[in-house]
Amino acid sequence: MTSLIVLLSTGKGTWAKTIKIINSHTWDKIIIVTNEFGKSTFQKKDNMELIVINPDDPIKKIISKIKDSLNIIDTEVALNLSSGSGKEHMALLSAILKSGLGIRLITYETELTEL
């Protein structure tokens, strides 16, 4: 199994897709990168970790926050970027790659799909 990293931020209907991805597989660890609204609204379970960012911060600060918060021992992660802005996507991708992790992009259409 593998760890899952998802961005849970803005975008109409993206939370529902993100929840389907989370529930579609047994993940070793689930890391949710979100904002203060997501922190106060999303129902976190025991196997989930939240990394709370401020999307208004400079991108380098967001990258550092995410990178410093990642605690993954594996060599790659499953990643979904259905939710969020381009700035958040770039920050998350940069943080993962700077951590030395490979990525497998995934989505959910009628089932979990690796891209």
N, C-alpha and C. Protein backbone atom coordinates (compact mmCIF):
# COMPACT_ATOMS: atom_id res chain seq x y z
N MET A 1 0.83 -1.17 0.00
CA MET A 1 0.00 0.00 0.00
C MET A 1 0.87 1.23 0.00
N THR A 2 0.24 2.36 -0.09
CA THR A 2 0.98 3.60 -0.22
C THR A 2 0.29 4.71 0.55
N SER A 3 0.98 5.79 0.67
CA SER A 3 0.40 6.97 1.31
C SER A 3 -0.29 7.82 0.25
N LEU A 4 -1.34 8.49 0.67
CA LEU A 4 -2.13 9.36 -0.20
C LEU A 4 -1.96 10.79 0.27
N ILE A 5 -1.70 11.68 -0.68
CA ILE A 5 -1.71 13.12 -0.39
C ILE A 5 -2.76 13.74 -1.28
N VAL A 6 -3.67 14.49 -0.66
CA VAL A 6 -4.71 15.19 -1.41
C VAL A 6 -4.70 16.66 -1.01
N LEU A 7 -5.06 17.48 -1.96
CA LEU A 7 -5.27 18.89 -1.70
C LEU A 7 -6.77 19.08 -1.53
N LEU A 8 -7.18 19.64 -0.42
CA LEU A 8 -8.61 19.85 -0.14
C LEU A 8 -8.80 21.34 0.08
N SER A 9 -9.17 22.02 -1.01
CA SER A 9 -9.23 23.47 -0.95
C SER A 9 -10.47 23.96 -1.67
N THR A 10 -10.31 24.72 -2.73
CA THR A 10 -11.44 25.32 -3.43
C THR A 10 -11.74 24.58 -4.72
N GLY A 11 -12.94 24.80 -5.21
CA GLY A 11 -13.37 24.20 -6.47
C GLY A 11 -14.69 23.49 -6.28
N LYS A 12 -15.67 23.85 -7.09
CA LYS A 12 -17.01 23.28 -6.97
C LYS A 12 -16.99 21.76 -7.18
N GLY A 13 -17.48 21.02 -6.22
CA GLY A 13 -17.59 19.57 -6.33
C GLY A 13 -16.32 18.81 -6.03
N THR A 14 -15.23 19.51 -5.72
CA THR A 14 -13.95 18.81 -5.54
C THR A 14 -13.87 18.06 -4.22
N TRP A 15 -14.58 18.50 -3.21
CA TRP A 15 -14.55 17.79 -1.93
C TRP A 15 -15.15 16.39 -2.07
N ALA A 16 -16.24 16.28 -2.82
CA ALA A 16 -16.90 14.98 -3.00
C ALA A 16 -15.96 14.01 -3.72
N LYS A 17 -15.26 14.49 -4.75
CA LYS A 17 -14.32 13.63 -5.47
C LYS A 17 -13.17 13.23 -4.55
N THR A 18 -12.69 14.16 -3.76
CA THR A 18 -11.58 13.87 -2.84
C THR A 18 -11.99 12.83 -1.81
N ILE A 19 -13.18 12.93 -1.29
CA ILE A 19 -13.67 11.94 -0.32
C ILE A 19 -13.80 10.56 -0.96
N LYS A 20 -14.25 10.51 -2.22
CA LYS A 20 -14.33 9.22 -2.93
C LYS A 20 -12.95 8.59 -3.06
N ILE A 21 -11.94 9.41 -3.36
CA ILE A 21 -10.57 8.90 -3.48
C ILE A 21 -10.10 8.36 -2.14
N ILE A 22 -10.34 9.10 -1.08
CA ILE A 22 -9.93 8.68 0.26
C ILE A 22 -10.57 7.35 0.62
N ASN A 23 -11.85 7.19 0.31
CA ASN A 23 -12.60 6.00 0.70
C ASN A 23 -12.46 4.82 -0.25
N SER A 24 -11.82 5.02 -1.41
CA SER A 24 -11.79 3.98 -2.43
C SER A 24 -10.67 2.96 -2.26
N HIS A 25 -9.79 3.16 -1.27
CA HIS A 25 -8.63 2.30 -1.12
C HIS A 25 -8.21 2.32 0.35
N THR A 26 -7.50 1.29 0.77
CA THR A 26 -6.94 1.28 2.11
C THR A 26 -5.53 1.87 2.02
N TRP A 27 -5.36 3.08 2.51
CA TRP A 27 -4.10 3.80 2.42
C TRP A 27 -3.30 3.62 3.70
N ASP A 28 -1.97 3.55 3.58
CA ASP A 28 -1.12 3.50 4.77
C ASP A 28 -1.30 4.77 5.60
N LYS A 29 -1.32 5.88 4.92
CA LYS A 29 -1.43 7.18 5.56
C LYS A 29 -2.15 8.11 4.59
N ILE A 30 -2.95 9.01 5.13
CA ILE A 30 -3.64 10.00 4.30
C ILE A 30 -3.24 11.37 4.81
N ILE A 31 -2.65 12.16 3.92
CA ILE A 31 -2.25 13.52 4.28
C ILE A 31 -3.12 14.47 3.47
N ILE A 32 -3.78 15.35 4.19
CA ILE A 32 -4.69 16.30 3.56
C ILE A 32 -4.10 17.69 3.72
N VAL A 33 -3.79 18.31 2.60
CA VAL A 33 -3.30 19.69 2.60
C VAL A 33 -4.52 20.57 2.40
N THR A 34 -4.77 21.45 3.36
CA THR A 34 -5.99 22.24 3.34
C THR A 34 -5.74 23.63 3.93
N ASN A 35 -6.78 24.41 3.99
CA ASN A 35 -6.71 25.75 4.58
C ASN A 35 -7.50 25.76 5.90
N GLU A 36 -7.62 26.91 6.52
CA GLU A 36 -8.34 27.01 7.80
C GLU A 36 -9.79 26.56 7.68
N PHE A 37 -10.44 26.88 6.55
CA PHE A 37 -11.82 26.44 6.35
C PHE A 37 -11.90 24.92 6.32
N GLY A 38 -10.99 24.28 5.60
CA GLY A 38 -10.96 22.82 5.54
C GLY A 38 -10.69 22.21 6.91
N LYS A 39 -9.80 22.83 7.65
CA LYS A 39 -9.47 22.34 9.00
C LYS A 39 -10.70 22.34 9.89
N SER A 40 -11.50 23.39 9.81
CA SER A 40 -12.66 23.49 10.69
C SER A 40 -13.88 22.75 10.17
N THR A 41 -13.90 22.39 8.88
CA THR A 41 -15.08 21.79 8.28
C THR A 41 -14.95 20.30 8.01
N PHE A 42 -13.79 19.86 7.56
CA PHE A 42 -13.59 18.47 7.15
C PHE A 42 -13.56 17.54 8.36
N GLN A 43 -14.25 16.42 8.27
CA GLN A 43 -14.31 15.43 9.34
C GLN A 43 -13.10 14.49 9.24
N LYS A 44 -12.03 14.81 9.95
CA LYS A 44 -10.79 14.04 9.91
C LYS A 44 -10.96 12.74 10.69
N LYS A 45 -10.40 11.65 10.13
CA LYS A 45 -10.40 10.36 10.82
C LYS A 45 -9.02 10.09 11.40
N ASP A 46 -8.89 9.01 12.17
CA ASP A 46 -7.65 8.70 12.87
C ASP A 46 -6.44 8.52 11.96
N ASN A 47 -6.62 7.96 10.77
CA ASN A 47 -5.49 7.68 9.90
C ASN A 47 -5.14 8.87 8.99
N MET A 48 -5.65 10.03 9.32
CA MET A 48 -5.44 11.22 8.50
C MET A 48 -4.62 12.27 9.24
N GLU A 49 -3.78 12.95 8.48
CA GLU A 49 -3.03 14.09 9.01
C GLU A 49 -3.41 15.31 8.19
N LEU A 50 -3.56 16.44 8.85
CA LEU A 50 -3.84 17.68 8.15
C LEU A 50 -2.59 18.54 8.12
N ILE A 51 -2.31 19.12 6.98
CA ILE A 51 -1.30 20.16 6.86
C ILE A 51 -2.08 21.41 6.47
N VAL A 52 -2.14 22.36 7.38
CA VAL A 52 -2.95 23.57 7.16
C VAL A 52 -2.05 24.67 6.62
N ILE A 53 -2.41 25.16 5.44
CA ILE A 53 -1.65 26.23 4.81
C ILE A 53 -2.52 27.48 4.67
N ASN A 54 -1.87 28.60 4.47
CA ASN A 54 -2.56 29.83 4.15
C ASN A 54 -2.30 30.11 2.67
N PRO A 55 -3.31 29.97 1.81
CA PRO A 55 -3.09 30.14 0.38
C PRO A 55 -2.65 31.55 0.00
N ASP A 56 -2.81 32.51 0.90
CA ASP A 56 -2.38 33.88 0.62
C ASP A 56 -0.91 34.11 0.93
N ASP A 57 -0.26 33.15 1.61
CA ASP A 57 1.17 33.27 1.89
C ASP A 57 1.97 33.21 0.59
N PRO A 58 3.20 33.72 0.61
CA PRO A 58 4.07 33.54 -0.56
C PRO A 58 4.29 32.06 -0.83
N ILE A 59 4.44 31.71 -2.10
CA ILE A 59 4.53 30.29 -2.47
C ILE A 59 5.69 29.59 -1.78
N LYS A 60 6.83 30.25 -1.61
CA LYS A 60 7.97 29.60 -0.96
C LYS A 60 7.66 29.27 0.50
N LYS A 61 6.86 30.09 1.15
CA LYS A 61 6.46 29.80 2.53
C LYS A 61 5.53 28.59 2.57
N ILE A 62 4.63 28.49 1.61
CA ILE A 62 3.71 27.34 1.54
C ILE A 62 4.51 26.06 1.28
N ILE A 63 5.45 26.13 0.35
CA ILE A 63 6.30 24.97 0.05
C ILE A 63 7.02 24.50 1.31
N SER A 64 7.63 25.42 2.03
CA SER A 64 8.36 25.07 3.26
C SER A 64 7.44 24.44 4.30
N LYS A 65 6.25 25.02 4.46
CA LYS A 65 5.28 24.49 5.44
C LYS A 65 4.93 23.04 5.10
N ILE A 66 4.63 22.78 3.84
CA ILE A 66 4.26 21.42 3.44
C ILE A 66 5.44 20.48 3.58
N LYS A 67 6.59 20.86 3.03
CA LYS A 67 7.78 20.00 3.06
C LYS A 67 8.17 19.66 4.49
N ASP A 68 8.16 20.65 5.38
CA ASP A 68 8.53 20.42 6.78
C ASP A 68 7.52 19.53 7.51
N SER A 69 6.29 19.47 7.00
CA SER A 69 5.24 18.69 7.65
C SER A 69 5.13 17.26 7.12
N LEU A 70 5.73 17.00 5.96
CA LEU A 70 5.66 15.65 5.39
C LEU A 70 6.54 14.69 6.18
N ASN A 71 5.96 13.60 6.59
CA ASN A 71 6.70 12.58 7.33
C ASN A 71 6.37 11.23 6.70
N ILE A 72 6.97 10.99 5.53
CA ILE A 72 6.68 9.78 4.77
C ILE A 72 7.98 9.02 4.57
N ILE A 73 7.95 7.73 4.90
CA ILE A 73 9.15 6.91 4.81
C ILE A 73 9.22 6.19 3.46
N ASP A 74 8.17 6.19 2.70
CA ASP A 74 8.10 5.49 1.42
C ASP A 74 8.88 6.24 0.34
N THR A 75 8.93 5.68 -0.87
CA THR A 75 9.65 6.33 -1.97
C THR A 75 8.72 7.09 -2.91
N GLU A 76 7.42 6.82 -2.83
CA GLU A 76 6.46 7.52 -3.67
C GLU A 76 5.13 7.65 -2.95
N VAL A 77 4.31 8.56 -3.45
CA VAL A 77 2.99 8.77 -2.87
C VAL A 77 1.96 8.82 -3.99
N ALA A 78 0.73 8.50 -3.65
CA ALA A 78 -0.39 8.73 -4.55
C ALA A 78 -0.82 10.18 -4.33
N LEU A 79 -1.09 10.90 -5.40
CA LEU A 79 -1.38 12.33 -5.30
C LEU A 79 -2.60 12.69 -6.11
N ASN A 80 -3.49 13.47 -5.49
CA ASN A 80 -4.64 14.00 -6.21
C ASN A 80 -4.68 15.50 -6.04
N LEU A 81 -4.84 16.19 -7.17
CA LEU A 81 -4.87 17.66 -7.19
C LEU A 81 -6.19 18.18 -7.76
N SER A 82 -7.28 17.45 -7.55
CA SER A 82 -8.57 17.88 -8.09
C SER A 82 -9.06 19.18 -7.48
N SER A 83 -8.70 19.42 -6.25
CA SER A 83 -9.14 20.60 -5.53
C SER A 83 -8.01 21.62 -5.47
N GLY A 84 -8.35 22.87 -5.34
CA GLY A 84 -7.34 23.89 -5.11
C GLY A 84 -6.99 24.73 -6.32
N SER A 85 -6.07 25.67 -6.07
CA SER A 85 -5.65 26.61 -7.10
C SER A 85 -4.31 26.18 -7.69
N GLY A 86 -3.93 26.81 -8.78
CA GLY A 86 -2.65 26.53 -9.40
C GLY A 86 -1.49 26.79 -8.46
N LYS A 87 -1.57 27.85 -7.69
CA LYS A 87 -0.51 28.17 -6.73
C LYS A 87 -0.36 27.05 -5.70
N GLU A 88 -1.48 26.55 -5.20
CA GLU A 88 -1.45 25.45 -4.22
C GLU A 88 -0.90 24.17 -4.87
N HIS A 89 -1.30 23.92 -6.12
CA HIS A 89 -0.80 22.74 -6.84
C HIS A 89 0.72 22.80 -6.99
N MET A 90 1.22 23.95 -7.43
CA MET A 90 2.67 24.09 -7.61
C MET A 90 3.41 23.94 -6.29
N ALA A 91 2.88 24.52 -5.22
CA ALA A 91 3.54 24.43 -3.91
C ALA A 91 3.57 22.98 -3.44
N LEU A 92 2.47 22.27 -3.59
CA LEU A 92 2.41 20.88 -3.14
C LEU A 92 3.35 20.00 -3.97
N LEU A 93 3.33 20.14 -5.28
CA LEU A 93 4.23 19.37 -6.13
C LEU A 93 5.69 19.66 -5.79
N SER A 94 6.02 20.91 -5.61
CA SER A 94 7.40 21.28 -5.27
C SER A 94 7.82 20.66 -3.95
N ALA A 95 6.96 20.74 -2.94
CA ALA A 95 7.28 20.19 -1.61
C ALA A 95 7.51 18.68 -1.68
N ILE A 96 6.66 17.98 -2.43
CA ILE A 96 6.80 16.52 -2.55
C ILE A 96 8.10 16.17 -3.25
N LEU A 97 8.39 16.83 -4.36
CA LEU A 97 9.60 16.53 -5.12
C LEU A 97 10.85 16.92 -4.34
N LYS A 98 10.82 18.03 -3.61
CA LYS A 98 11.97 18.44 -2.79
C LYS A 98 12.18 17.47 -1.62
N SER A 99 11.16 16.73 -1.26
CA SER A 99 11.28 15.71 -0.21
C SER A 99 11.85 14.41 -0.75
N GLY A 100 12.07 14.34 -2.08
CA GLY A 100 12.65 13.15 -2.68
C GLY A 100 11.65 12.06 -2.99
N LEU A 101 10.37 12.38 -2.96
CA LEU A 101 9.33 11.39 -3.21
C LEU A 101 8.90 11.40 -4.67
N GLY A 102 8.62 10.22 -5.19
CA GLY A 102 8.00 10.10 -6.49
C GLY A 102 6.50 10.23 -6.34
N ILE A 103 5.80 10.46 -7.44
CA ILE A 103 4.35 10.62 -7.38
C ILE A 103 3.66 9.71 -8.38
N ARG A 104 2.48 9.27 -7.98
CA ARG A 104 1.55 8.58 -8.87
C ARG A 104 0.29 9.41 -8.84
N LEU A 105 -0.05 10.06 -9.94
CA LEU A 105 -1.27 10.86 -9.99
C LEU A 105 -2.48 9.96 -10.06
N ILE A 106 -3.48 10.27 -9.24
CA ILE A 106 -4.69 9.45 -9.22
C ILE A 106 -5.92 10.35 -9.27
N THR A 107 -7.00 9.78 -9.72
CA THR A 107 -8.28 10.48 -9.74
C THR A 107 -9.38 9.45 -9.50
N TYR A 108 -10.60 9.95 -9.40
CA TYR A 108 -11.75 9.06 -9.25
C TYR A 108 -12.79 9.49 -10.27
N GLU A 109 -13.14 8.56 -11.16
CA GLU A 109 -14.22 8.80 -12.09
C GLU A 109 -15.35 7.85 -11.70
N THR A 110 -15.35 6.65 -12.23
CA THR A 110 -16.28 5.62 -11.75
C THR A 110 -15.57 4.67 -10.80
N GLU A 111 -14.24 4.79 -10.76
CA GLU A 111 -13.41 4.02 -9.84
C GLU A 111 -12.07 4.77 -9.70
N LEU A 112 -11.27 4.32 -8.75
CA LEU A 112 -9.96 4.91 -8.56
C LEU A 112 -9.12 4.64 -9.81
N THR A 113 -8.53 5.68 -10.36
CA THR A 113 -7.79 5.57 -11.61
C THR A 113 -6.43 6.22 -11.48
N GLU A 114 -5.38 5.47 -11.86
CA GLU A 114 -4.05 6.04 -11.89
C GLU A 114 -3.82 6.64 -13.27
N LEU A 115 -3.27 7.85 -13.30
CA LEU A 115 -3.05 8.53 -14.58
C LEU A 115 -1.65 8.33 -15.09
